[in-house]
Amino acid sequence: MFKTPKIKKVSTVERETSAEVPKSDEEPRPTNIQDRHQPVSFDPFLLYLDEIKRYPLLSREDERDLAIRYREKDDIEAAYKLVTANLRLVVKIAMGFQRHWMQNLMDLIQEGNVGLMQAAKKFDPYKGYKFSYYASFWIKAYIMKFIMDNWKLVKIGTTQTQRKLFSNLRKEKGRLEAQGIEASPKLLSDRLNVKESEIIEMDQRLNMWDISLDSPLKEDSEDTYKSFLPSDDLPVDDRIADQEAKAILHDKLMLFKGQLKGREVVIFEKRLLSEGPMTLQEIGDKFGISRERVRQIESRLKKKLKIYLEEEITDIDLLQENMIEI
């Protein structure tokens, strides 16, 4: 007859005590409450660093072999290894530019990675350069362009010369300040072999920030920066002078027209005064003369008009300055 084994009753206290005793072949678990509740880091930068650490670094020979495989055989896997092995180089360079970009560092890393991929496309393994050295120039170029394009609403460097000055100015100022030397515009212009005015202009662009035209001049002021912008409209006195000039000119032109006859009147009206002038050929067909003959009459008419206006109007130069349109 099968007998049911006896089961020893264990109290609640004994169960809890026995559960806390670790087995002999296991490491004891920490009992620190803070360790058990340590929050997981979700910082994108730290997560990215952990991610790129798994890509092994390459020796110079390995870099060259991968670059040759990509160049000769278009081996995408080789290019992938070449790029991923240098992702830490991008981070290092991007952090050097961080003092010029106080926003998200990942923006600089992203642009630097684009430069790294471009370097992999352009790299020539047969010239003897180390890939990481060659790639650093492309990485810096893409990061620098991103900073200059996004530093402010108004771009601070739109030409290759300005971007070069931006880079050199940043490096030279840092070098002088590290030596305890004041980086004056005169000294920087001598060191960089550029005009002092260019140094001042670039330095002002770097140090000035965008201001909304609708923002008040002071906290308690109702006046905005926009209120002090110059108007595109002509001043009242200039508008009056312009109207007077047009009136004088109109009267003189009508008097001059009264002295003309026949073909000269038509050429004067349809060629010199019209907003949509007839062609020489159209006027020639109208009077049955050649296109060249019409041009000769028009040329003679212009000379007569110039002499007439110079005789009739004392200050012809001033009149012409005030004429916006006839």
C-alpha atoms as a PDB file:
ATOM      1  CA  MET A   1       0.000   0.000   0.000  1.00  0.00           C
ATOM      2  CA  PHE A   2       1.418   3.378  -1.116  1.00  0.00           C
ATOM      3  CA  LYS A   3       1.918   5.779   1.785  1.00  0.00           C
ATOM      4  CA  THR A   4       1.664   9.505   1.299  1.00  0.00           C
ATOM      5  CA  PRO A   5       4.905  11.194   2.446  1.00  0.00           C
ATOM      6  CA  LYS A   6       4.616  13.413   5.445  1.00  0.00           C
ATOM      7  CA  ILE A   7       5.002  17.109   4.732  1.00  0.00           C
ATOM      8  CA  LYS A   8       6.590  19.195   7.429  1.00  0.00           C
ATOM      9  CA  LYS A   9       4.677  22.363   8.172  1.00  0.00           C
ATOM     10  CA  VAL A  10       6.743  25.506   7.895  1.00  0.00           C
ATOM     11  CA  SER A  11       5.699  28.707   9.545  1.00  0.00           C
ATOM     12  CA  THR A  12       5.453  31.991   7.691  1.00  0.00           C
ATOM     13  CA  VAL A  13       8.497  33.364   9.551  1.00  0.00           C
ATOM     14  CA  GLU A  14      10.567  30.344   8.571  1.00  0.00           C
ATOM     15  CA  ARG A  15       9.590  30.676   4.904  1.00  0.00           C
ATOM     16  CA  GLU A  16      10.591  34.348   4.789  1.00  0.00           C
ATOM     17  CA  THR A  17      13.853  33.616   6.610  1.00  0.00           C
ATOM     18  CA  SER A  18      14.786  30.714   4.368  1.00  0.00           C
ATOM     19  CA  ALA A  19      13.989  32.754   1.254  1.00  0.00           C
ATOM     20  CA  GLU A  20      16.500  35.390   2.281  1.00  0.00           C
ATOM     21  CA  VAL A  21      19.371  32.894   2.690  1.00  0.00           C
ATOM     22  CA  PRO A  22      21.246  32.538  -0.600  1.00  0.00           C
ATOM     23  CA  LYS A  23      22.327  29.239  -1.960  1.00  0.00           C
ATOM     24  CA  SER A  24      25.902  28.252  -1.341  1.00  0.00           C
ATOM     25  CA  ASP A  25      26.847  28.335  -5.039  1.00  0.00           C
ATOM     26  CA  GLU A  26      25.388  31.806  -5.767  1.00  0.00           C
ATOM     27  CA  GLU A  27      26.718  35.294  -5.071  1.00  0.00           C
ATOM     28  CA  PRO A  28      24.746  37.140  -2.415  1.00  0.00           C
ATOM     29  CA  ARG A  29      22.532  39.845  -3.847  1.00  0.00           C
ATOM     30  CA  PRO A  30      22.989  43.451  -2.701  1.00  0.00           C
ATOM     31  CA  THR A  31      20.423  44.586  -0.225  1.00  0.00           C
ATOM     32  CA  ASN A  32      20.955  48.339  -0.803  1.00  0.00           C
ATOM     33  CA  ILE A  33      17.543  49.812  -1.663  1.00  0.00           C
ATOM     34  CA  GLN A  34      19.109  52.662  -3.729  1.00  0.00           C
ATOM     35  CA  ASP A  35      20.962  50.145  -5.903  1.00  0.00           C
ATOM     36  CA  ARG A  36      17.784  48.187  -6.584  1.00  0.00           C
ATOM     37  CA  HIS A  37      15.932  51.354  -7.616  1.00  0.00           C
ATOM     38  CA  GLN A  38      18.699  53.023  -9.643  1.00  0.00           C
ATOM     39  CA  PRO A  39      17.005  54.787 -12.638  1.00  0.00           C
ATOM     40  CA  VAL A  40      17.961  53.749 -16.143  1.00  0.00           C
ATOM     41  CA  SER A  41      19.696  56.495 -18.124  1.00  0.00           C
ATOM     42  CA  PHE A  42      17.914  57.606 -21.291  1.00  0.00           C
ATOM     43  CA  ASP A  43      20.386  60.350 -22.257  1.00  0.00           C
ATOM     44  CA  PRO A  44      20.674  60.033 -26.076  1.00  0.00           C
ATOM     45  CA  PHE A  45      24.350  60.985 -26.007  1.00  0.00           C
ATOM     46  CA  LEU A  46      25.258  58.345 -23.387  1.00  0.00           C
ATOM     47  CA  LEU A  47      23.206  55.708 -25.180  1.00  0.00           C
ATOM     48  CA  TYR A  48      24.981  56.603 -28.428  1.00  0.00           C
ATOM     49  CA  LEU A  49      28.391  56.281 -26.769  1.00  0.00           C
ATOM     50  CA  ASP A  50      27.459  52.830 -25.475  1.00  0.00           C
ATOM     51  CA  GLU A  51      26.304  51.875 -28.948  1.00  0.00           C
ATOM     52  CA  ILE A  52      29.459  52.896 -30.830  1.00  0.00           C
ATOM     53  CA  LYS A  53      31.782  51.256 -28.288  1.00  0.00           C
ATOM     54  CA  ARG A  54      30.912  47.863 -29.723  1.00  0.00           C
ATOM     55  CA  TYR A  55      32.574  48.719 -33.032  1.00  0.00           C
ATOM     56  CA  PRO A  56      36.265  47.727 -32.895  1.00  0.00           C
ATOM     57  CA  LEU A  57      39.031  50.142 -33.787  1.00  0.00           C
ATOM     58  CA  LEU A  58      41.137  49.372 -36.851  1.00  0.00           C
ATOM     59  CA  SER A  59      44.841  49.333 -37.448  1.00  0.00           C
ATOM     60  CA  ARG A  60      46.262  51.390 -40.295  1.00  0.00           C
ATOM     61  CA  GLU A  61      46.711  48.243 -42.367  1.00  0.00           C
ATOM     62  CA  ASP A  62      43.115  47.177 -41.773  1.00  0.00           C
ATOM     63  CA  GLU A  63      41.881  50.636 -42.776  1.00  0.00           C
ATOM     64  CA  ARG A  64      43.877  50.492 -45.980  1.00  0.00           C
ATOM     65  CA  ASP A  65      42.624  46.997 -46.864  1.00  0.00           C
ATOM     66  CA  LEU A  66      38.995  48.001 -46.284  1.00  0.00           C
ATOM     67  CA  ALA A  67      39.441  51.211 -48.280  1.00  0.00           C
ATOM     68  CA  ILE A  68      40.927  49.253 -51.210  1.00  0.00           C
ATOM     69  CA  ARG A  69      38.054  46.755 -51.114  1.00  0.00           C
ATOM     70  CA  TYR A  70      35.520  49.566 -51.209  1.00  0.00           C
ATOM     71  CA  ARG A  71      37.352  51.508 -53.924  1.00  0.00           C
ATOM     72  CA  GLU A  72      38.142  48.558 -56.196  1.00  0.00           C
ATOM     73  CA  LYS A  73      35.173  46.238 -55.596  1.00  0.00           C
ATOM     74  CA  ASP A  74      32.531  48.640 -54.284  1.00  0.00           C
ATOM     75  CA  ASP A  75      32.318  46.471 -51.165  1.00  0.00           C
ATOM     76  CA  ILE A  76      29.616  48.108 -49.026  1.00  0.00           C
ATOM     77  CA  GLU A  77      30.467  45.911 -46.036  1.00  0.00           C
ATOM     78  CA  ALA A  78      34.047  47.218 -46.117  1.00  0.00           C
ATOM     79  CA  ALA A  79      32.815  50.803 -46.212  1.00  0.00           C
ATOM     80  CA  TYR A  80      30.494  50.075 -43.278  1.00  0.00           C
ATOM     81  CA  LYS A  81      33.374  48.764 -41.159  1.00  0.00           C
ATOM     82  CA  LEU A  82      35.554  51.714 -42.153  1.00  0.00           C
ATOM     83  CA  VAL A  83      32.906  54.226 -41.120  1.00  0.00           C
ATOM     84  CA  THR A  84      31.708  52.576 -37.911  1.00  0.00           C
ATOM     85  CA  ALA A  85      35.271  52.148 -36.651  1.00  0.00           C
ATOM     86  CA  ASN A  86      35.705  55.928 -36.789  1.00  0.00           C
ATOM     87  CA  LEU A  87      32.443  57.003 -35.161  1.00  0.00           C
ATOM     88  CA  ARG A  88      34.342  57.783 -31.955  1.00  0.00           C
ATOM     89  CA  LEU A  89      36.556  60.155 -33.945  1.00  0.00           C
ATOM     90  CA  VAL A  90      33.444  62.120 -34.934  1.00  0.00           C
ATOM     91  CA  VAL A  91      32.383  62.428 -31.289  1.00  0.00           C
ATOM     92  CA  LYS A  92      35.825  63.710 -30.300  1.00  0.00           C
ATOM     93  CA  ILE A  93      35.845  66.356 -33.044  1.00  0.00           C
ATOM     94  CA  ALA A  94      32.234  67.373 -32.370  1.00  0.00           C
ATOM     95  CA  MET A  95      32.982  67.958 -28.692  1.00  0.00           C
ATOM     96  CA  GLY A  96      35.754  70.330 -29.741  1.00  0.00           C
ATOM     97  CA  PHE A  97      33.152  72.473 -31.524  1.00  0.00           C
ATOM     98  CA  GLN A  98      30.655  72.350 -28.650  1.00  0.00           C
ATOM     99  CA  ARG A  99      31.674  75.767 -27.267  1.00  0.00           C
ATOM    100  CA  HIS A 100      30.392  77.248 -30.549  1.00  0.00           C
ATOM    101  CA  TRP A 101      27.156  75.256 -30.458  1.00  0.00           C
ATOM    102  CA  MET A 102      25.475  75.364 -27.065  1.00  0.00           C
ATOM    103  CA  GLN A 103      22.517  73.304 -28.238  1.00  0.00           C
ATOM    104  CA  ASN A 104      22.223  69.548 -28.823  1.00  0.00           C
ATOM    105  CA  LEU A 105      25.640  67.942 -29.306  1.00  0.00           C
ATOM    106  CA  MET A 106      23.997  65.158 -31.296  1.00  0.00           C
ATOM    107  CA  ASP A 107      23.345  67.682 -34.083  1.00  0.00           C
ATOM    108  CA  LEU A 108      27.081  68.144 -34.540  1.00  0.00           C
ATOM    109  CA  ILE A 109      27.716  64.395 -34.340  1.00  0.00           C
ATOM    110  CA  GLN A 110      25.093  63.746 -36.996  1.00  0.00           C
ATOM    111  CA  GLU A 111      26.649  66.252 -39.388  1.00  0.00           C
ATOM    112  CA  GLY A 112      30.101  64.905 -38.610  1.00  0.00           C
ATOM    113  CA  ASN A 113      28.930  61.395 -39.489  1.00  0.00           C
ATOM    114  CA  VAL A 114      27.785  62.686 -42.880  1.00  0.00           C
ATOM    115  CA  GLY A 115      31.264  64.129 -43.393  1.00  0.00           C
ATOM    116  CA  LEU A 116      32.772  60.788 -42.348  1.00  0.00           C
ATOM    117  CA  MET A 117      30.746  58.925 -44.978  1.00  0.00           C
ATOM    118  CA  GLN A 118      31.752  61.475 -47.587  1.00  0.00           C
ATOM    119  CA  ALA A 119      35.388  60.923 -46.629  1.00  0.00           C
ATOM    120  CA  ALA A 120      34.966  57.166 -47.144  1.00  0.00           C
ATOM    121  CA  LYS A 121      33.694  57.858 -50.686  1.00  0.00           C
ATOM    122  CA  LYS A 122      36.554  60.202 -51.584  1.00  0.00           C
ATOM    123  CA  PHE A 123      39.451  58.455 -49.814  1.00  0.00           C
ATOM    124  CA  ASP A 124      42.318  57.224 -52.007  1.00  0.00           C
ATOM    125  CA  PRO A 125      44.169  54.433 -50.142  1.00  0.00           C
ATOM    126  CA  TYR A 126      47.091  54.553 -52.570  1.00  0.00           C
ATOM    127  CA  LYS A 127      48.284  58.027 -51.526  1.00  0.00           C
ATOM    128  CA  GLY A 128      49.634  56.783 -48.214  1.00  0.00           C
ATOM    129  CA  TYR A 129      47.488  58.894 -45.878  1.00  0.00           C
ATOM    130  CA  LYS A 130      45.851  57.446 -42.798  1.00  0.00           C
ATOM    131  CA  PHE A 131      42.090  57.335 -43.262  1.00  0.00           C
ATOM    132  CA  SER A 132      41.278  58.857 -39.865  1.00  0.00           C
ATOM    133  CA  TYR A 133      43.583  61.807 -40.618  1.00  0.00           C
ATOM    134  CA  TYR A 134      41.942  62.358 -44.012  1.00  0.00           C
ATOM    135  CA  ALA A 135      38.421  61.927 -42.602  1.00  0.00           C
ATOM    136  CA  SER A 136      38.979  64.516 -39.876  1.00  0.00           C
ATOM    137  CA  PHE A 137      39.015  67.299 -42.472  1.00  0.00           C
ATOM    138  CA  TRP A 138      35.683  66.197 -43.934  1.00  0.00           C
ATOM    139  CA  ILE A 139      34.156  65.823 -40.467  1.00  0.00           C
ATOM    140  CA  LYS A 140      35.267  69.317 -39.429  1.00  0.00           C
ATOM    141  CA  ALA A 141      34.046  70.810 -42.701  1.00  0.00           C
ATOM    142  CA  TYR A 142      30.526  69.410 -42.343  1.00  0.00           C
ATOM    143  CA  ILE A 143      30.277  70.358 -38.663  1.00  0.00           C
ATOM    144  CA  MET A 144      31.547  73.862 -39.380  1.00  0.00           C
ATOM    145  CA  LYS A 145      29.101  74.378 -42.227  1.00  0.00           C
ATOM    146  CA  PHE A 146      26.231  73.213 -40.032  1.00  0.00           C
ATOM    147  CA  ILE A 147      27.179  75.656 -37.266  1.00  0.00           C
ATOM    148  CA  MET A 148      27.527  78.574 -39.669  1.00  0.00           C
ATOM    149  CA  ASP A 149      24.212  77.780 -41.370  1.00  0.00           C
ATOM    150  CA  ASN A 150      22.310  77.400 -38.101  1.00  0.00           C
ATOM    151  CA  TRP A 151      24.124  79.756 -35.727  1.00  0.00           C
ATOM    152  CA  LYS A 152      21.434  82.339 -36.251  1.00  0.00           C
ATOM    153  CA  LEU A 153      18.670  83.276 -38.680  1.00  0.00           C
ATOM    154  CA  VAL A 154      21.133  85.324 -40.718  1.00  0.00           C
ATOM    155  CA  LYS A 155      23.944  83.101 -41.952  1.00  0.00           C
ATOM    156  CA  ILE A 156      27.381  84.202 -40.783  1.00  0.00           C
ATOM    157  CA  GLY A 157      29.337  82.510 -43.546  1.00  0.00           C
ATOM    158  CA  THR A 158      28.013  81.941 -47.033  1.00  0.00           C
ATOM    159  CA  THR A 159      31.253  81.722 -49.009  1.00  0.00           C
ATOM    160  CA  GLN A 160      34.245  79.422 -48.829  1.00  0.00           C
ATOM    161  CA  THR A 161      36.450  82.364 -47.765  1.00  0.00           C
ATOM    162  CA  GLN A 162      34.146  83.251 -44.870  1.00  0.00           C
ATOM    163  CA  ARG A 163      33.974  79.646 -43.687  1.00  0.00           C
ATOM    164  CA  LYS A 164      37.760  79.418 -43.780  1.00  0.00           C
ATOM    165  CA  LEU A 165      38.076  82.659 -41.808  1.00  0.00           C
ATOM    166  CA  PHE A 166      35.559  81.359 -39.257  1.00  0.00           C
ATOM    167  CA  SER A 167      37.636  78.242 -38.675  1.00  0.00           C
ATOM    168  CA  ASN A 168      41.015  79.984 -38.580  1.00  0.00           C
ATOM    169  CA  LEU A 169      39.741  82.788 -36.351  1.00  0.00           C
ATOM    170  CA  ARG A 170      38.379  80.299 -33.841  1.00  0.00           C
ATOM    171  CA  LYS A 171      41.644  78.356 -33.691  1.00  0.00           C
ATOM    172  CA  GLU A 172      43.935  81.379 -33.528  1.00  0.00           C
ATOM    173  CA  LYS A 173      41.923  83.090 -30.787  1.00  0.00           C
ATOM    174  CA  GLY A 174      42.021  79.921 -28.711  1.00  0.00           C
ATOM    175  CA  ARG A 175      45.769  79.569 -29.269  1.00  0.00           C
ATOM    176  CA  LEU A 176      46.495  83.151 -28.213  1.00  0.00           C
ATOM    177  CA  GLU A 177      44.198  83.028 -25.181  1.00  0.00           C
ATOM    178  CA  ALA A 178      45.885  79.805 -24.032  1.00  0.00           C
ATOM    179  CA  GLN A 179      49.205  81.708 -24.068  1.00  0.00           C
ATOM    180  CA  GLY A 180      47.719  84.589 -22.084  1.00  0.00           C
ATOM    181  CA  ILE A 181      47.852  86.962 -25.058  1.00  0.00           C
ATOM    182  CA  GLU A 182      44.976  89.311 -25.849  1.00  0.00           C
ATOM    183  CA  ALA A 183      43.552  88.362 -29.265  1.00  0.00           C
ATOM    184  CA  SER A 184      43.153  91.873 -30.671  1.00  0.00           C
ATOM    185  CA  PRO A 185      41.827  92.386 -34.226  1.00  0.00           C
ATOM    186  CA  LYS A 186      45.200  93.860 -35.291  1.00  0.00           C
ATOM    187  CA  LEU A 187      47.146  90.848 -34.009  1.00  0.00           C
ATOM    188  CA  LEU A 188      44.667  88.394 -35.521  1.00  0.00           C
ATOM    189  CA  SER A 189      44.771  90.144 -38.891  1.00  0.00           C
ATOM    190  CA  ASP A 190      48.588  89.904 -38.898  1.00  0.00           C
ATOM    191  CA  ARG A 191      48.521  86.241 -37.892  1.00  0.00           C
ATOM    192  CA  LEU A 192      45.835  85.242 -40.415  1.00  0.00           C
ATOM    193  CA  ASN A 193      46.994  87.594 -43.191  1.00  0.00           C
ATOM    194  CA  VAL A 194      43.560  89.156 -43.705  1.00  0.00           C
ATOM    195  CA  LYS A 195      42.214  92.677 -43.366  1.00  0.00           C
ATOM    196  CA  GLU A 196      41.523  93.918 -39.858  1.00  0.00           C
ATOM    197  CA  SER A 197      38.026  94.953 -40.972  1.00  0.00           C
ATOM    198  CA  GLU A 198      37.257  91.337 -41.940  1.00  0.00           C
ATOM    199  CA  ILE A 199      38.330  90.134 -38.502  1.00  0.00           C
ATOM    200  CA  ILE A 200      36.101  92.706 -36.801  1.00  0.00           C
ATOM    201  CA  GLU A 201      33.138  91.892 -39.043  1.00  0.00           C
ATOM    202  CA  MET A 202      33.381  88.122 -38.471  1.00  0.00           C
ATOM    203  CA  ASP A 203      33.890  88.609 -34.733  1.00  0.00           C
ATOM    204  CA  GLN A 204      30.788  90.784 -34.565  1.00  0.00           C
ATOM    205  CA  ARG A 205      28.782  88.150 -36.416  1.00  0.00           C
ATOM    206  CA  LEU A 206      29.882  85.502 -33.934  1.00  0.00           C
ATOM    207  CA  ASN A 207      29.164  87.586 -30.834  1.00  0.00           C
ATOM    208  CA  MET A 208      25.852  89.146 -31.873  1.00  0.00           C
ATOM    209  CA  TRP A 209      22.567  87.310 -31.480  1.00  0.00           C
ATOM    210  CA  ASP A 210      19.313  87.551 -33.405  1.00  0.00           C
ATOM    211  CA  ILE A 211      16.756  89.969 -31.977  1.00  0.00           C
ATOM    212  CA  SER A 212      13.118  90.011 -32.967  1.00  0.00           C
ATOM    213  CA  LEU A 213      12.088  93.308 -34.545  1.00  0.00           C
ATOM    214  CA  ASP A 214       8.835  93.086 -32.580  1.00  0.00           C
ATOM    215  CA  SER A 215      10.602  92.802 -29.219  1.00  0.00           C
ATOM    216  CA  PRO A 216      10.515  95.908 -26.972  1.00  0.00           C
ATOM    217  CA  LEU A 217      13.583  98.081 -26.482  1.00  0.00           C
ATOM    218  CA  LYS A 218      13.162  97.738 -22.713  1.00  0.00           C
ATOM    219  CA  GLU A 219      10.945  95.645 -20.489  1.00  0.00           C
ATOM    220  CA  ASP A 220       8.635  98.557 -19.688  1.00  0.00           C
ATOM    221  CA  SER A 221       8.790 100.169 -23.142  1.00  0.00           C
ATOM    222  CA  GLU A 222       6.114 100.088 -25.831  1.00  0.00           C
ATOM    223  CA  ASP A 223       8.637 100.982 -28.540  1.00  0.00           C
ATOM    224  CA  THR A 224      10.007  98.082 -30.603  1.00  0.00           C
ATOM    225  CA  TYR A 225      13.187  97.752 -32.629  1.00  0.00           C
ATOM    226  CA  LYS A 226      11.041  97.842 -35.755  1.00  0.00           C
ATOM    227  CA  SER A 227       9.938 101.397 -34.904  1.00  0.00           C
ATOM    228  CA  PHE A 228      13.469 102.684 -35.477  1.00  0.00           C
ATOM    229  CA  LEU A 229      14.073 101.079 -38.867  1.00  0.00           C
ATOM    230  CA  PRO A 230      14.463 103.570 -41.733  1.00  0.00           C
ATOM    231  CA  SER A 231      11.412 103.882 -43.977  1.00  0.00           C
ATOM    232  CA  ASP A 232      11.615 102.881 -47.627  1.00  0.00           C
ATOM    233  CA  ASP A 233       9.278 105.746 -48.538  1.00  0.00           C
ATOM    234  CA  LEU A 234      10.701 108.966 -49.949  1.00  0.00           C
ATOM    235  CA  PRO A 235      10.739 111.910 -47.550  1.00  0.00           C
ATOM    236  CA  VAL A 236       7.981 114.465 -48.066  1.00  0.00           C
ATOM    237  CA  ASP A 237      10.335 117.140 -49.429  1.00  0.00           C
ATOM    238  CA  ASP A 238      11.805 114.670 -51.938  1.00  0.00           C
ATOM    239  CA  ARG A 239       8.326 113.667 -53.124  1.00  0.00           C
ATOM    240  CA  ILE A 240       7.362 117.315 -53.619  1.00  0.00           C
ATOM    241  CA  ALA A 241      10.591 117.997 -55.517  1.00  0.00           C
ATOM    242  CA  ASP A 242       9.942 114.967 -57.687  1.00  0.00           C
ATOM    243  CA  GLN A 243       6.425 116.130 -58.522  1.00  0.00           C
ATOM    244  CA  GLU A 244       7.676 119.591 -59.421  1.00  0.00           C
ATOM    245  CA  ALA A 245      10.411 118.139 -61.610  1.00  0.00           C
ATOM    246  CA  LYS A 246       7.916 115.981 -63.465  1.00  0.00           C
ATOM    247  CA  ALA A 247       5.579 118.919 -64.006  1.00  0.00           C
ATOM    248  CA  ILE A 248       8.389 121.116 -65.383  1.00  0.00           C
ATOM    249  CA  LEU A 249       9.645 118.359 -67.625  1.00  0.00           C
ATOM    250  CA  HIS A 250       6.181 117.553 -68.920  1.00  0.00           C
ATOM    251  CA  ASP A 251       5.537 121.177 -69.874  1.00  0.00           C
ATOM    252  CA  LYS A 252       8.875 121.492 -71.653  1.00  0.00           C
ATOM    253  CA  LEU A 253       8.344 118.251 -73.559  1.00  0.00           C
ATOM    254  CA  MET A 254       4.934 119.403 -74.763  1.00  0.00           C
ATOM    255  CA  LEU A 255       6.438 122.694 -75.963  1.00  0.00           C
ATOM    256  CA  PHE A 256       9.188 120.754 -77.752  1.00  0.00           C
ATOM    257  CA  LYS A 257       6.596 118.488 -79.377  1.00  0.00           C
ATOM    258  CA  GLY A 258       4.818 121.558 -80.770  1.00  0.00           C
ATOM    259  CA  GLN A 259       7.935 122.349 -82.814  1.00  0.00           C
ATOM    260  CA  LEU A 260       7.954 118.931 -84.537  1.00  0.00           C
ATOM    261  CA  LYS A 261       6.248 117.885 -87.774  1.00  0.00           C
ATOM    262  CA  GLY A 262       5.278 114.700 -89.588  1.00  0.00           C
ATOM    263  CA  ARG A 263       7.411 111.665 -88.865  1.00  0.00           C
ATOM    264  CA  GLU A 264       9.262 113.357 -85.997  1.00  0.00           C
ATOM    265  CA  VAL A 265       6.018 113.720 -84.011  1.00  0.00           C
ATOM    266  CA  VAL A 266       5.221 110.010 -84.381  1.00  0.00           C
ATOM    267  CA  ILE A 267       8.755 108.914 -83.489  1.00  0.00           C
ATOM    268  CA  PHE A 268       8.766 111.281 -80.513  1.00  0.00           C
ATOM    269  CA  GLU A 269       5.450 109.953 -79.174  1.00  0.00           C
ATOM    270  CA  LYS A 270       5.738 106.285 -80.125  1.00  0.00           C
ATOM    271  CA  ARG A 271       9.452 105.813 -79.454  1.00  0.00           C
ATOM    272  CA  LEU A 272      10.716 108.331 -76.884  1.00  0.00           C
ATOM    273  CA  LEU A 273       7.672 108.873 -74.669  1.00  0.00           C
ATOM    274  CA  SER A 274       5.801 105.603 -74.943  1.00  0.00           C
ATOM    275  CA  GLU A 275       6.062 102.920 -72.219  1.00  0.00           C
ATOM    276  CA  GLY A 276       5.555 100.324 -74.957  1.00  0.00           C
ATOM    277  CA  PRO A 277       7.484 101.824 -77.885  1.00  0.00           C
ATOM    278  CA  MET A 278       6.930 100.734 -81.480  1.00  0.00           C
ATOM    279  CA  THR A 279       9.810  99.049 -83.239  1.00  0.00           C
ATOM    280  CA  LEU A 280      11.887 100.817 -85.858  1.00  0.00           C
ATOM    281  CA  GLN A 281      10.502  98.425 -88.457  1.00  0.00           C
ATOM    282  CA  GLU A 282       6.875  99.184 -87.538  1.00  0.00           C
ATOM    283  CA  ILE A 283       7.401 102.924 -87.885  1.00  0.00           C
ATOM    284  CA  GLY A 284       9.313 102.402 -91.144  1.00  0.00           C
ATOM    285  CA  ASP A 285       6.422 100.387 -92.570  1.00  0.00           C
ATOM    286  CA  LYS A 286       3.992 103.116 -91.497  1.00  0.00           C
ATOM    287  CA  PHE A 287       5.843 105.793 -93.497  1.00  0.00           C
ATOM    288  CA  GLY A 288       7.278 103.563 -96.217  1.00  0.00           C
ATOM    289  CA  ILE A 289      10.903 104.139 -95.214  1.00  0.00           C
ATOM    290  CA  SER A 290      13.676 101.818 -94.136  1.00  0.00           C
ATOM    291  CA  ARG A 291      14.414 100.789 -90.564  1.00  0.00           C
ATOM    292  CA  GLU A 292      17.796 102.521 -90.749  1.00  0.00           C
ATOM    293  CA  ARG A 293      16.158 105.766 -91.843  1.00  0.00           C
ATOM    294  CA  VAL A 294      13.873 105.710 -88.800  1.00  0.00           C
ATOM    295  CA  ARG A 295      16.917 105.142 -86.554  1.00  0.00           C
ATOM    296  CA  GLN A 296      18.671 108.184 -88.105  1.00  0.00           C
ATOM    297  CA  ILE A 297      15.616 110.414 -87.534  1.00  0.00           C
ATOM    298  CA  GLU A 298      15.341 109.217 -83.945  1.00  0.00           C
ATOM    299  CA  SER A 299      19.029 109.864 -83.281  1.00  0.00           C
ATOM    300  CA  ARG A 300      18.768 113.393 -84.677  1.00  0.00           C
ATOM    301  CA  LEU A 301      15.614 113.956 -82.618  1.00  0.00           C
ATOM    302  CA  LYS A 302      17.359 112.966 -79.400  1.00  0.00           C
ATOM    303  CA  LYS A 303      20.155 115.441 -80.015  1.00  0.00           C
ATOM    304  CA  LYS A 304      17.638 118.237 -80.667  1.00  0.00           C
ATOM    305  CA  LEU A 305      15.765 117.343 -77.464  1.00  0.00           C
ATOM    306  CA  LYS A 306      18.956 117.402 -75.389  1.00  0.00           C
ATOM    307  CA  ILE A 307      19.947 120.838 -76.703  1.00  0.00           C
ATOM    308  CA  TYR A 308      16.434 122.139 -76.135  1.00  0.00           C
ATOM    309  CA  LEU A 309      16.232 120.971 -72.513  1.00  0.00           C
ATOM    310  CA  GLU A 310      19.689 122.330 -71.695  1.00  0.00           C
ATOM    311  CA  GLU A 311      18.623 125.740 -73.006  1.00  0.00           C
ATOM    312  CA  GLU A 312      15.182 125.778 -71.377  1.00  0.00           C
ATOM    313  CA  ILE A 313      16.007 124.279 -67.974  1.00  0.00           C
ATOM    314  CA  THR A 314      18.731 125.994 -65.969  1.00  0.00           C
ATOM    315  CA  ASP A 315      19.581 123.139 -63.570  1.00  0.00           C
ATOM    316  CA  ILE A 316      19.163 120.147 -65.879  1.00  0.00           C
ATOM    317  CA  ASP A 317      21.303 117.869 -63.677  1.00  0.00           C
ATOM    318  CA  LEU A 318      19.199 118.552 -60.601  1.00  0.00           C
ATOM    319  CA  LEU A 319      16.054 117.947 -62.657  1.00  0.00           C
ATOM    320  CA  GLN A 320      17.337 114.581 -63.842  1.00  0.00           C
ATOM    321  CA  GLU A 321      18.202 113.529 -60.254  1.00  0.00           C
ATOM    322  CA  ASN A 322      14.643 114.200 -59.113  1.00  0.00           C
ATOM    323  CA  MET A 323      13.023 112.405 -62.064  1.00  0.00           C
ATOM    324  CA  ILE A 324      11.914 108.954 -60.945  1.00  0.00           C
ATOM    325  CA  GLU A 325      10.085 108.312 -64.183  1.00  0.00           C
ATOM    326  CA  ILE A 326       8.894 110.396 -67.104  1.00  0.00           C
END
